[in-house]
Amino acid sequence: MKAIVWSKNQCPFCDQAKALLKMNGIEYEERNINDGWDREDLLAAVPNARSVPQVFLEGELVGGYNEL
């Protein structure tokens, strides 16, 4: 299984989402909007995004940490 995690620096929920994926052996690509990606990239992927993390599993939007 492959995941994409949209995140930002100093985000506790982002860190928890990445830890949960790692704990369950799920590889993920991090797309940090403070490092190489920007808010416009995030909104292109998730038009209604109001916060991070935004997590995709196998190309499907799951949502934030609570939904994960």
Protein backbone atom coordinates (compact mmCIF):
# COMPACT_ATOMS: atom_id res chain seq x y z
CA MET A 1 0.00 0.00 0.00
CA LYS A 2 1.22 3.50 -0.81
CA ALA A 3 0.21 6.78 0.82
CA ILE A 4 0.72 10.48 0.22
CA VAL A 5 0.74 12.80 3.22
CA TRP A 6 0.34 16.54 2.66
CA SER A 7 1.92 18.18 5.68
CA LYS A 8 3.67 21.26 7.02
CA ASN A 9 6.42 21.95 9.54
CA GLN A 10 5.62 21.87 13.28
CA CYS A 11 2.29 20.09 12.78
CA PRO A 12 1.55 17.54 15.55
CA PHE A 13 -1.27 15.87 13.62
CA CYS A 14 1.01 15.53 10.58
CA ASP A 15 3.64 13.85 12.75
CA GLN A 16 1.02 11.52 14.27
CA ALA A 17 -0.34 10.57 10.82
CA LYS A 18 3.16 9.74 9.54
CA ALA A 19 3.92 7.73 12.70
CA LEU A 20 0.66 5.77 12.34
CA LEU A 21 1.41 4.92 8.71
CA LYS A 22 4.96 3.88 9.60
CA MET A 23 3.75 1.77 12.54
CA ASN A 24 1.43 -0.10 10.15
CA GLY A 25 4.17 -0.65 7.57
CA ILE A 26 2.64 1.71 5.00
CA GLU A 27 5.13 3.56 2.84
CA TYR A 28 4.31 7.20 2.22
CA GLU A 29 5.46 10.16 0.22
CA GLU A 30 5.47 13.37 2.22
CA ARG A 31 4.46 16.56 0.42
CA ASN A 32 5.42 19.33 2.83
CA ILE A 33 3.91 22.69 1.91
CA ASN A 34 6.85 24.44 3.62
CA ASP A 35 9.47 22.48 1.69
CA GLY A 36 9.21 22.03 -2.07
CA TRP A 37 5.41 22.14 -2.28
CA ASP A 38 3.04 25.03 -1.65
CA ARG A 39 -0.54 25.72 -0.65
CA GLU A 40 -1.63 25.96 -4.29
CA ASP A 41 -0.32 22.42 -4.92
CA LEU A 42 -2.30 21.17 -1.92
CA LEU A 43 -5.47 22.93 -3.09
CA ALA A 44 -5.05 21.47 -6.58
CA ALA A 45 -5.04 17.99 -4.99
CA VAL A 46 -7.68 18.71 -2.32
CA PRO A 47 -9.76 21.76 -3.31
CA ASN A 48 -11.63 21.89 0.02
CA ALA A 49 -8.54 21.46 2.22
CA ARG A 50 -8.65 23.72 5.25
CA SER A 51 -5.87 22.02 7.19
CA VAL A 52 -3.12 19.45 7.05
CA PRO A 53 -2.45 16.62 7.10
CA GLN A 54 -4.39 15.48 4.07
CA VAL A 55 -3.79 11.77 3.54
CA PHE A 56 -4.28 9.72 0.39
CA LEU A 57 -4.18 5.90 0.43
CA GLU A 58 -3.83 4.20 -2.95
CA GLY A 59 -4.86 7.45 -4.65
CA GLU A 60 -8.05 7.92 -2.62
CA LEU A 61 -8.44 10.86 -0.22
CA VAL A 62 -8.90 9.59 3.34
CA GLY A 63 -8.83 13.01 5.00
CA GLY A 64 -6.91 14.16 8.05
CA TYR A 65 -5.39 12.32 10.98
CA ASN A 66 -8.73 11.53 12.65
CA GLU A 67 -10.08 9.93 9.47
CA LEU A 68 -6.88 7.95 9.00
